[in-house]
Amino acid sequence: MALQTKIRNILGMQRHHHEVQWWMFSLAPLGVAFAFFFVFILPMDIPQKDVILVTGGAAGFAGLQTYWIFRGWQRDDGLTMLLGLVSIVVVSALVWWYVDSLGEILHAHSSVPWVYSKE
């Protein structure tokens, strides 16, 4: 019975009018963390550094979206949950596309050896 009520409330799609502002504000700590990650990884001489940066950024963003999915579940906010799931799918697809196709193109035609180290 409680699950049916929860699902009915989630499908009602009522959300607080400040929810988008809260989401945007939650991106600030992620941006700071990624800046430190980028600064730490940039001077290291490791193969496929670009793939590490892309997947690291995507993992942080997916973690943030997981938080928002959980928050939407607690608040019975279906739209927040849906946006979190869609964001994770889109970021995963972009990372997959980058690693599968664009990463190989950049490695093959790179003129900057310190950014894209060739194996």
C-alpha atoms as a PDB file:
ATOM      1  CA  MET A   1       0.000   0.000   0.000  1.00  0.00           C
ATOM      2  CA  ALA A   2       2.805   2.445   0.891  1.00  0.00           C
ATOM      3  CA  LEU A   3       4.608   1.634  -2.358  1.00  0.00           C
ATOM      4  CA  GLN A   4       1.487   2.400  -4.397  1.00  0.00           C
ATOM      5  CA  THR A   5       1.123   5.752  -2.638  1.00  0.00           C
ATOM      6  CA  LYS A   6       4.814   6.511  -3.235  1.00  0.00           C
ATOM      7  CA  ILE A   7       4.528   5.698  -6.943  1.00  0.00           C
ATOM      8  CA  ARG A   8       1.342   7.781  -7.249  1.00  0.00           C
ATOM      9  CA  ASN A   9       3.121  10.742  -5.627  1.00  0.00           C
ATOM     10  CA  ILE A  10       6.170  10.307  -7.847  1.00  0.00           C
ATOM     11  CA  LEU A  11       4.041  10.250 -10.990  1.00  0.00           C
ATOM     12  CA  GLY A  12       2.310  13.440  -9.824  1.00  0.00           C
ATOM     13  CA  MET A  13       5.517  15.265 -10.794  1.00  0.00           C
ATOM     14  CA  GLN A  14       5.275  18.113  -8.309  1.00  0.00           C
ATOM     15  CA  ARG A  15       8.564  19.826  -7.660  1.00  0.00           C
ATOM     16  CA  HIS A  16       9.775  22.741  -5.628  1.00  0.00           C
ATOM     17  CA  HIS A  17      10.268  25.930  -7.640  1.00  0.00           C
ATOM     18  CA  HIS A  18      13.892  26.248  -6.401  1.00  0.00           C
ATOM     19  CA  GLU A  19      14.884  22.710  -7.423  1.00  0.00           C
ATOM     20  CA  VAL A  20      16.754  23.842 -10.562  1.00  0.00           C
ATOM     21  CA  GLN A  21      18.701  26.450  -8.582  1.00  0.00           C
ATOM     22  CA  TRP A  22      19.676  23.813  -6.013  1.00  0.00           C
ATOM     23  CA  TRP A  23      20.818  21.517  -8.820  1.00  0.00           C
ATOM     24  CA  MET A  24      22.922  24.261 -10.420  1.00  0.00           C
ATOM     25  CA  PHE A  25      24.462  25.139  -7.044  1.00  0.00           C
ATOM     26  CA  SER A  26      25.348  21.475  -6.470  1.00  0.00           C
ATOM     27  CA  LEU A  27      27.504  21.567  -9.619  1.00  0.00           C
ATOM     28  CA  ALA A  28      29.916  24.069  -8.018  1.00  0.00           C
ATOM     29  CA  PRO A  29      31.679  21.556  -5.705  1.00  0.00           C
ATOM     30  CA  LEU A  30      31.889  19.100  -8.604  1.00  0.00           C
ATOM     31  CA  GLY A  31      33.565  21.768 -10.736  1.00  0.00           C
ATOM     32  CA  VAL A  32      36.090  22.544  -8.009  1.00  0.00           C
ATOM     33  CA  ALA A  33      36.849  18.852  -7.504  1.00  0.00           C
ATOM     34  CA  PHE A  34      37.306  18.335 -11.253  1.00  0.00           C
ATOM     35  CA  ALA A  35      39.631  21.362 -11.437  1.00  0.00           C
ATOM     36  CA  PHE A  36      41.860  19.818  -8.772  1.00  0.00           C
ATOM     37  CA  PHE A  37      41.678  16.441 -10.546  1.00  0.00           C
ATOM     38  CA  PHE A  38      42.620  18.097 -13.857  1.00  0.00           C
ATOM     39  CA  VAL A  39      45.525  20.028 -12.313  1.00  0.00           C
ATOM     40  CA  PHE A  40      46.802  16.876 -10.609  1.00  0.00           C
ATOM     41  CA  ILE A  41      46.581  14.658 -13.721  1.00  0.00           C
ATOM     42  CA  LEU A  42      47.802  17.195 -16.308  1.00  0.00           C
ATOM     43  CA  PRO A  43      51.555  17.174 -15.514  1.00  0.00           C
ATOM     44  CA  MET A  44      51.732  13.376 -15.202  1.00  0.00           C
ATOM     45  CA  ASP A  45      53.144  11.433 -18.118  1.00  0.00           C
ATOM     46  CA  ILE A  46      50.614   8.623 -18.452  1.00  0.00           C
ATOM     47  CA  PRO A  47      49.153   7.001 -21.565  1.00  0.00           C
ATOM     48  CA  GLN A  48      45.597   7.888 -22.542  1.00  0.00           C
ATOM     49  CA  LYS A  49      45.378  10.810 -20.163  1.00  0.00           C
ATOM     50  CA  ASP A  50      42.396  12.206 -22.057  1.00  0.00           C
ATOM     51  CA  VAL A  51      40.365   9.055 -21.438  1.00  0.00           C
ATOM     52  CA  ILE A  52      41.161   9.225 -17.723  1.00  0.00           C
ATOM     53  CA  LEU A  53      40.036  12.862 -17.593  1.00  0.00           C
ATOM     54  CA  VAL A  54      36.823  12.172 -19.518  1.00  0.00           C
ATOM     55  CA  THR A  55      35.858   9.130 -17.466  1.00  0.00           C
ATOM     56  CA  GLY A  56      36.805  10.871 -14.202  1.00  0.00           C
ATOM     57  CA  GLY A  57      34.601  13.847 -15.017  1.00  0.00           C
ATOM     58  CA  ALA A  58      31.773  11.575 -16.106  1.00  0.00           C
ATOM     59  CA  ALA A  59      32.056   9.504 -12.929  1.00  0.00           C
ATOM     60  CA  GLY A  60      31.799  12.623 -10.775  1.00  0.00           C
ATOM     61  CA  PHE A  61      28.791  13.862 -12.737  1.00  0.00           C
ATOM     62  CA  ALA A  62      27.103  10.443 -12.543  1.00  0.00           C
ATOM     63  CA  GLY A  63      27.666  10.393  -8.786  1.00  0.00           C
ATOM     64  CA  LEU A  64      26.029  13.796  -8.472  1.00  0.00           C
ATOM     65  CA  GLN A  65      23.078  12.644 -10.568  1.00  0.00           C
ATOM     66  CA  THR A  66      22.732   9.557  -8.371  1.00  0.00           C
ATOM     67  CA  TYR A  67      22.404  11.882  -5.394  1.00  0.00           C
ATOM     68  CA  TRP A  68      19.638  13.781  -7.197  1.00  0.00           C
ATOM     69  CA  ILE A  69      17.830  10.543  -8.065  1.00  0.00           C
ATOM     70  CA  PHE A  70      17.915   9.567  -4.398  1.00  0.00           C
ATOM     71  CA  ARG A  71      16.751  13.056  -3.418  1.00  0.00           C
ATOM     72  CA  GLY A  72      13.863  12.797  -5.878  1.00  0.00           C
ATOM     73  CA  TRP A  73      12.890   9.424  -4.403  1.00  0.00           C
ATOM     74  CA  GLN A  74      12.856  10.867  -0.883  1.00  0.00           C
ATOM     75  CA  ARG A  75      10.808  13.903  -1.916  1.00  0.00           C
ATOM     76  CA  ASP A  76       8.464  11.982  -4.236  1.00  0.00           C
ATOM     77  CA  ASP A  77       9.670  14.077  -7.161  1.00  0.00           C
ATOM     78  CA  GLY A  78       9.473  12.026 -10.337  1.00  0.00           C
ATOM     79  CA  LEU A  79      10.794  14.735 -12.629  1.00  0.00           C
ATOM     80  CA  THR A  80      14.029  15.086 -10.640  1.00  0.00           C
ATOM     81  CA  MET A  81      14.492  11.316 -10.771  1.00  0.00           C
ATOM     82  CA  LEU A  82      13.784  11.249 -14.505  1.00  0.00           C
ATOM     83  CA  LEU A  83      16.223  14.078 -15.225  1.00  0.00           C
ATOM     84  CA  GLY A  84      18.908  12.333 -13.169  1.00  0.00           C
ATOM     85  CA  LEU A  85      18.440   9.070 -15.070  1.00  0.00           C
ATOM     86  CA  VAL A  86      18.433  10.828 -18.443  1.00  0.00           C
ATOM     87  CA  SER A  87      21.595  12.749 -17.490  1.00  0.00           C
ATOM     88  CA  ILE A  88      23.406   9.544 -16.547  1.00  0.00           C
ATOM     89  CA  VAL A  89      22.384   7.884 -19.828  1.00  0.00           C
ATOM     90  CA  VAL A  90      23.476  10.912 -21.904  1.00  0.00           C
ATOM     91  CA  VAL A  91      26.844  11.250 -20.131  1.00  0.00           C
ATOM     92  CA  SER A  92      27.460   7.500 -20.428  1.00  0.00           C
ATOM     93  CA  ALA A  93      26.679   7.610 -24.145  1.00  0.00           C
ATOM     94  CA  LEU A  94      28.997  10.586 -24.693  1.00  0.00           C
ATOM     95  CA  VAL A  95      31.852   8.918 -22.818  1.00  0.00           C
ATOM     96  CA  TRP A  96      31.301   5.677 -24.745  1.00  0.00           C
ATOM     97  CA  TRP A  97      31.328   7.613 -28.035  1.00  0.00           C
ATOM     98  CA  TYR A  98      34.495   9.493 -27.056  1.00  0.00           C
ATOM     99  CA  VAL A  99      36.380   6.405 -25.940  1.00  0.00           C
ATOM    100  CA  ASP A 100      35.207   4.337 -28.909  1.00  0.00           C
ATOM    101  CA  SER A 101      35.721   6.792 -31.764  1.00  0.00           C
ATOM    102  CA  LEU A 102      36.976  10.273 -30.990  1.00  0.00           C
ATOM    103  CA  GLY A 103      39.744   9.174 -28.636  1.00  0.00           C
ATOM    104  CA  GLU A 104      41.318   7.009 -31.329  1.00  0.00           C
ATOM    105  CA  ILE A 105      41.107   9.835 -33.871  1.00  0.00           C
ATOM    106  CA  LEU A 106      42.830  12.262 -31.513  1.00  0.00           C
ATOM    107  CA  HIS A 107      45.577   9.758 -30.689  1.00  0.00           C
ATOM    108  CA  ALA A 108      46.243   9.019 -34.354  1.00  0.00           C
ATOM    109  CA  HIS A 109      46.447  12.665 -35.496  1.00  0.00           C
ATOM    110  CA  SER A 110      47.878  14.411 -32.458  1.00  0.00           C
ATOM    111  CA  SER A 111      50.608  16.988 -33.002  1.00  0.00           C
ATOM    112  CA  VAL A 112      50.948  17.694 -29.274  1.00  0.00           C
ATOM    113  CA  PRO A 113      52.856  14.746 -27.771  1.00  0.00           C
ATOM    114  CA  TRP A 114      52.608  15.877 -24.150  1.00  0.00           C
ATOM    115  CA  VAL A 115      48.791  15.886 -24.244  1.00  0.00           C
ATOM    116  CA  TYR A 116      48.210  12.635 -26.123  1.00  0.00           C
ATOM    117  CA  SER A 117      51.084  10.286 -25.522  1.00  0.00           C
ATOM    118  CA  LYS A 118      51.434   7.620 -28.202  1.00  0.00           C
ATOM    119  CA  GLU A 119      52.141   4.056 -27.203  1.00  0.00           C
END
